[in-house]
């Protein structure tokens, strides 16, 4: 392997490592923000259904797990609850930021 190629590989490694780390940190931050949003919404669901949803949200470790729970959370929110509209807006915003434009029921 030529010295030029080795230098290029070393340079790529020096540039790539911090970018990859920054990307992983940004992904983790977005996941934590989305999970927090889901936890707040699930906290306003009463009874056994609310307990089950809170448990399922706590057990998630990936954004796609939360994506799969979105319908259950939204359908379980009481229409007359004072924070339901805010939870819907927050979920819509956070899901859109990760998955692109979505339409929530």
N, C-alpha and C. Protein backbone atom coordinates (compact mmCIF):
# COMPACT_ATOMS: atom_id res chain seq x y z
N UNK A 1 0.86 -1.18 0.00
CA UNK A 1 0.00 0.00 0.00
C UNK A 1 0.90 1.23 0.00
N UNK A 2 0.55 2.19 -0.81
CA UNK A 2 1.40 3.38 -0.93
C UNK A 2 1.24 4.27 0.29
N UNK A 3 2.25 5.10 0.50
CA UNK A 3 2.24 6.03 1.64
C UNK A 3 1.11 7.05 1.50
N UNK A 4 0.80 7.44 0.26
CA UNK A 4 -0.28 8.40 0.04
C UNK A 4 -1.62 7.80 0.48
N UNK A 5 -1.85 6.55 0.11
CA UNK A 5 -3.11 5.89 0.48
C UNK A 5 -3.21 5.72 2.00
N UNK A 6 -2.12 5.37 2.65
CA UNK A 6 -2.12 5.23 4.11
C UNK A 6 -2.43 6.56 4.77
N UNK A 7 -1.85 7.64 4.26
CA UNK A 7 -2.12 8.96 4.82
C UNK A 7 -3.59 9.35 4.63
N UNK A 8 -4.14 9.00 3.47
CA UNK A 8 -5.55 9.30 3.22
C UNK A 8 -6.44 8.53 4.19
N UNK A 9 -6.11 7.26 4.43
CA UNK A 9 -6.89 6.47 5.39
C UNK A 9 -6.80 7.05 6.80
N UNK A 10 -5.62 7.48 7.17
CA UNK A 10 -5.44 8.08 8.49
C UNK A 10 -6.23 9.37 8.60
N UNK A 11 -6.19 10.19 7.56
CA UNK A 11 -6.93 11.45 7.57
C UNK A 11 -8.42 11.19 7.64
N UNK A 12 -8.91 10.22 6.88
CA UNK A 12 -10.33 9.89 6.92
C UNK A 12 -10.74 9.44 8.31
N UNK A 13 -9.90 8.63 8.95
CA UNK A 13 -10.19 8.18 10.30
C UNK A 13 -10.25 9.33 11.29
N UNK A 14 -9.37 10.30 11.14
CA UNK A 14 -9.34 11.46 12.03
C UNK A 14 -10.59 12.31 11.85
N UNK A 15 -11.06 12.45 10.62
CA UNK A 15 -12.25 13.26 10.35
C UNK A 15 -13.52 12.46 10.66
N UNK A 16 -13.52 11.20 10.29
CA UNK A 16 -14.72 10.39 10.40
C UNK A 16 -15.11 10.12 11.86
N UNK A 17 -14.17 9.82 12.71
CA UNK A 17 -14.49 9.45 14.10
C UNK A 17 -15.29 10.52 14.83
N UNK A 18 -14.87 11.79 14.82
CA UNK A 18 -15.68 12.80 15.52
C UNK A 18 -17.06 12.99 14.90
N UNK A 19 -17.15 12.89 13.57
CA UNK A 19 -18.45 13.03 12.91
C UNK A 19 -19.38 11.89 13.29
N UNK A 20 -18.85 10.68 13.34
CA UNK A 20 -19.66 9.53 13.72
C UNK A 20 -20.13 9.67 15.16
N UNK A 21 -19.26 10.12 16.01
CA UNK A 21 -19.62 10.32 17.42
C UNK A 21 -20.70 11.39 17.54
N UNK A 22 -20.52 12.49 16.84
CA UNK A 22 -21.52 13.57 16.88
C UNK A 22 -22.86 13.07 16.36
N UNK A 23 -22.83 12.25 15.34
CA UNK A 23 -24.07 11.70 14.77
C UNK A 23 -24.78 10.80 15.78
N UNK A 24 -24.00 9.93 16.45
CA UNK A 24 -24.59 9.04 17.46
C UNK A 24 -25.18 9.84 18.62
N UNK A 25 -24.51 10.89 19.02
CA UNK A 25 -25.01 11.73 20.12
C UNK A 25 -26.31 12.42 19.69
N UNK A 26 -26.35 12.94 18.47
CA UNK A 26 -27.56 13.59 17.98
C UNK A 26 -28.72 12.60 17.89
N UNK A 27 -28.46 11.39 17.41
CA UNK A 27 -29.50 10.36 17.35
C UNK A 27 -30.02 10.02 18.74
N UNK A 28 -29.12 9.90 19.68
CA UNK A 28 -29.53 9.55 21.06
C UNK A 28 -30.36 10.68 21.67
N UNK A 29 -29.94 11.92 21.44
CA UNK A 29 -30.70 13.07 21.95
C UNK A 29 -32.11 13.09 21.38
N UNK A 30 -32.23 12.85 20.09
CA UNK A 30 -33.54 12.84 19.44
C UNK A 30 -34.41 11.71 20.01
N UNK A 31 -33.81 10.54 20.24
CA UNK A 31 -34.56 9.43 20.81
C UNK A 31 -35.04 9.77 22.22
N UNK A 32 -34.17 10.33 23.03
CA UNK A 32 -34.54 10.67 24.41
C UNK A 32 -35.65 11.71 24.43
N UNK A 33 -35.57 12.69 23.54
CA UNK A 33 -36.62 13.71 23.46
C UNK A 33 -37.95 13.09 23.06
N UNK A 34 -37.92 12.20 22.08
CA UNK A 34 -39.15 11.54 21.63
C UNK A 34 -39.70 10.63 22.74
N UNK A 35 -38.83 9.90 23.41
CA UNK A 35 -39.28 9.01 24.48
C UNK A 35 -39.89 9.82 25.62
N UNK A 36 -39.31 10.96 25.94
CA UNK A 36 -39.86 11.83 26.98
C UNK A 36 -41.25 12.30 26.59
N UNK A 37 -41.42 12.67 25.34
CA UNK A 37 -42.72 13.10 24.84
C UNK A 37 -43.75 11.98 24.98
N UNK A 38 -43.37 10.75 24.64
CA UNK A 38 -44.26 9.61 24.78
C UNK A 38 -44.57 9.34 26.25
N UNK A 39 -43.57 9.47 27.12
CA UNK A 39 -43.79 9.23 28.55
C UNK A 39 -44.78 10.25 29.12
N UNK A 40 -44.65 11.50 28.72
CA UNK A 40 -45.57 12.53 29.20
C UNK A 40 -46.99 12.25 28.73
N UNK A 41 -47.13 11.83 27.49
CA UNK A 41 -48.46 11.51 26.97
C UNK A 41 -49.03 10.29 27.68
N UNK A 42 -48.23 9.25 27.86
CA UNK A 42 -48.70 8.04 28.53
C UNK A 42 -49.07 8.30 29.99
N UNK A 43 -48.42 9.27 30.60
CA UNK A 43 -48.70 9.61 32.00
C UNK A 43 -50.13 10.12 32.17
N UNK A 44 -50.70 10.66 31.11
CA UNK A 44 -52.07 11.18 31.19
C UNK A 44 -53.13 10.15 30.81
N UNK A 45 -52.71 8.91 30.54
CA UNK A 45 -53.67 7.83 30.27
C UNK A 45 -53.91 7.10 31.59
N UNK A 46 -55.17 7.02 31.97
CA UNK A 46 -55.53 6.45 33.27
C UNK A 46 -55.67 4.94 33.22
N UNK A 47 -55.64 4.33 34.39
CA UNK A 47 -55.97 2.92 34.55
C UNK A 47 -54.89 1.96 34.10
N UNK A 48 -55.34 0.73 33.90
CA UNK A 48 -54.43 -0.36 33.52
C UNK A 48 -53.82 -0.12 32.14
N UNK A 49 -54.60 0.46 31.26
CA UNK A 49 -54.07 0.76 29.92
C UNK A 49 -52.91 1.75 30.03
N UNK A 50 -53.08 2.78 30.84
CA UNK A 50 -52.02 3.75 31.05
C UNK A 50 -50.78 3.11 31.64
N UNK A 51 -50.96 2.22 32.62
CA UNK A 51 -49.82 1.54 33.22
C UNK A 51 -49.08 0.70 32.19
N UNK A 52 -49.84 -0.01 31.37
CA UNK A 52 -49.23 -0.86 30.34
C UNK A 52 -48.48 -0.01 29.30
N UNK A 53 -49.08 1.09 28.89
CA UNK A 53 -48.41 1.97 27.93
C UNK A 53 -47.13 2.56 28.51
N UNK A 54 -47.19 3.00 29.76
CA UNK A 54 -45.99 3.57 30.40
C UNK A 54 -44.88 2.52 30.47
N UNK A 55 -45.24 1.29 30.80
CA UNK A 55 -44.25 0.22 30.85
C UNK A 55 -43.64 -0.03 29.47
N UNK A 56 -44.50 -0.09 28.46
CA UNK A 56 -43.99 -0.33 27.10
C UNK A 56 -43.10 0.80 26.62
N UNK A 57 -43.46 2.04 26.94
CA UNK A 57 -42.61 3.18 26.54
C UNK A 57 -41.27 3.11 27.28
N UNK A 58 -41.31 2.81 28.57
CA UNK A 58 -40.05 2.72 29.34
C UNK A 58 -39.13 1.64 28.78
N UNK A 59 -39.70 0.57 28.25
CA UNK A 59 -38.89 -0.55 27.76
C UNK A 59 -38.32 -0.31 26.36
N UNK A 60 -38.75 0.73 25.69
CA UNK A 60 -38.24 0.97 24.33
C UNK A 60 -36.79 1.41 24.38
N UNK A 61 -36.07 1.05 23.34
CA UNK A 61 -34.69 1.51 23.22
C UNK A 61 -34.37 1.92 21.79
N UNK A 62 -35.42 2.15 21.01
CA UNK A 62 -35.23 2.50 19.61
C UNK A 62 -36.41 3.36 19.16
N UNK A 63 -36.14 4.27 18.24
CA UNK A 63 -37.20 5.15 17.76
C UNK A 63 -38.30 4.38 17.03
N UNK A 64 -37.95 3.28 16.37
CA UNK A 64 -38.99 2.51 15.68
C UNK A 64 -39.94 1.84 16.67
N UNK A 65 -39.44 1.49 17.86
CA UNK A 65 -40.34 0.95 18.90
C UNK A 65 -41.37 2.01 19.29
N UNK A 66 -40.93 3.24 19.41
CA UNK A 66 -41.85 4.32 19.75
C UNK A 66 -42.82 4.57 18.60
N UNK A 67 -42.34 4.51 17.38
CA UNK A 67 -43.20 4.69 16.20
C UNK A 67 -44.35 3.68 16.23
N UNK A 68 -44.03 2.45 16.62
CA UNK A 68 -45.06 1.40 16.68
C UNK A 68 -46.09 1.65 17.78
N UNK A 69 -45.71 2.39 18.81
CA UNK A 69 -46.62 2.68 19.93
C UNK A 69 -47.47 3.93 19.71
N UNK A 70 -47.21 4.69 18.67
CA UNK A 70 -47.86 5.99 18.50
C UNK A 70 -49.38 5.89 18.46
N UNK A 71 -49.91 4.92 17.71
CA UNK A 71 -51.37 4.79 17.59
C UNK A 71 -52.00 4.43 18.92
N UNK A 72 -51.36 3.52 19.66
CA UNK A 72 -51.90 3.12 20.96
C UNK A 72 -51.94 4.30 21.92
N UNK A 73 -50.90 5.10 21.92
CA UNK A 73 -50.85 6.28 22.80
C UNK A 73 -51.94 7.27 22.40
N UNK A 74 -52.00 7.59 21.12
CA UNK A 74 -52.95 8.59 20.65
C UNK A 74 -54.40 8.16 20.86
N UNK A 75 -54.69 6.90 20.62
CA UNK A 75 -56.06 6.42 20.81
C UNK A 75 -56.45 6.37 22.28
N UNK A 76 -55.47 6.26 23.16
CA UNK A 76 -55.76 6.14 24.59
C UNK A 76 -55.90 7.48 25.29
N UNK A 77 -55.48 8.55 24.65
CA UNK A 77 -55.61 9.88 25.27
C UNK A 77 -57.09 10.28 25.33
N UNK A 78 -57.51 10.75 26.48
CA UNK A 78 -58.90 11.19 26.65
C UNK A 78 -59.15 12.45 25.84
N UNK A 79 -60.20 12.48 25.02
CA UNK A 79 -60.48 13.68 24.20
C UNK A 79 -60.70 14.94 25.03
N UNK A 80 -61.28 14.81 26.20
CA UNK A 80 -61.57 15.99 27.01
C UNK A 80 -60.46 16.41 27.95
N UNK A 81 -59.36 15.67 27.96
CA UNK A 81 -58.25 16.00 28.87
C UNK A 81 -57.59 17.30 28.43
N UNK A 82 -57.25 18.18 29.37
CA UNK A 82 -56.70 19.49 29.00
C UNK A 82 -55.35 19.42 28.27
N UNK A 83 -54.59 18.33 28.43
CA UNK A 83 -53.27 18.26 27.76
C UNK A 83 -53.27 17.39 26.51
N UNK A 84 -54.39 16.82 26.14
CA UNK A 84 -54.44 15.93 24.97
C UNK A 84 -53.99 16.64 23.70
N UNK A 85 -54.50 17.83 23.45
CA UNK A 85 -54.12 18.56 22.23
C UNK A 85 -52.62 18.86 22.22
N UNK A 86 -52.08 19.23 23.36
CA UNK A 86 -50.64 19.52 23.44
C UNK A 86 -49.82 18.25 23.20
N UNK A 87 -50.24 17.14 23.77
CA UNK A 87 -49.52 15.87 23.54
C UNK A 87 -49.53 15.52 22.06
N UNK A 88 -50.68 15.70 21.40
CA UNK A 88 -50.77 15.39 19.96
C UNK A 88 -49.81 16.27 19.16
N UNK A 89 -49.77 17.56 19.47
CA UNK A 89 -48.86 18.47 18.76
C UNK A 89 -47.40 18.09 19.00
N UNK A 90 -47.07 17.79 20.25
CA UNK A 90 -45.69 17.44 20.58
C UNK A 90 -45.26 16.13 19.90
N UNK A 91 -46.16 15.14 19.93
CA UNK A 91 -45.85 13.88 19.27
C UNK A 91 -45.68 14.08 17.76
N UNK A 92 -46.58 14.85 17.17
CA UNK A 92 -46.50 15.13 15.73
C UNK A 92 -45.17 15.80 15.39
N UNK A 93 -44.80 16.80 16.15
CA UNK A 93 -43.56 17.54 15.90
C UNK A 93 -42.35 16.63 16.02
N UNK A 94 -42.27 15.85 17.10
CA UNK A 94 -41.10 15.01 17.31
C UNK A 94 -41.03 13.85 16.31
N UNK A 95 -42.17 13.26 16.00
CA UNK A 95 -42.16 12.19 14.99
C UNK A 95 -41.79 12.74 13.62
N UNK A 96 -42.30 13.91 13.27
CA UNK A 96 -41.95 14.53 11.99
C UNK A 96 -40.46 14.82 11.90
N UNK A 97 -39.86 15.23 13.02
CA UNK A 97 -38.44 15.57 12.99
C UNK A 97 -37.57 14.33 12.75
N UNK A 98 -38.06 13.17 13.13
CA UNK A 98 -37.28 11.94 12.95
C UNK A 98 -37.66 11.16 11.70
N UNK A 99 -38.95 11.12 11.38
CA UNK A 99 -39.41 10.25 10.29
C UNK A 99 -39.93 11.00 9.08
N UNK A 100 -39.90 12.32 9.12
CA UNK A 100 -40.48 13.11 8.03
C UNK A 100 -41.96 13.35 8.33
N UNK A 101 -42.62 14.09 7.48
CA UNK A 101 -44.03 14.44 7.73
C UNK A 101 -44.90 13.19 7.91
N UNK A 102 -45.66 13.21 8.99
CA UNK A 102 -46.60 12.14 9.29
C UNK A 102 -47.96 12.74 9.55
N UNK A 103 -48.98 11.93 9.48
CA UNK A 103 -50.31 12.36 9.82
C UNK A 103 -50.78 11.48 10.96
N UNK A 104 -51.06 12.12 12.07
CA UNK A 104 -51.53 11.37 13.23
C UNK A 104 -53.03 11.49 13.32
N UNK A 105 -53.66 10.39 13.73
CA UNK A 105 -55.12 10.39 13.87
C UNK A 105 -55.54 11.25 15.04
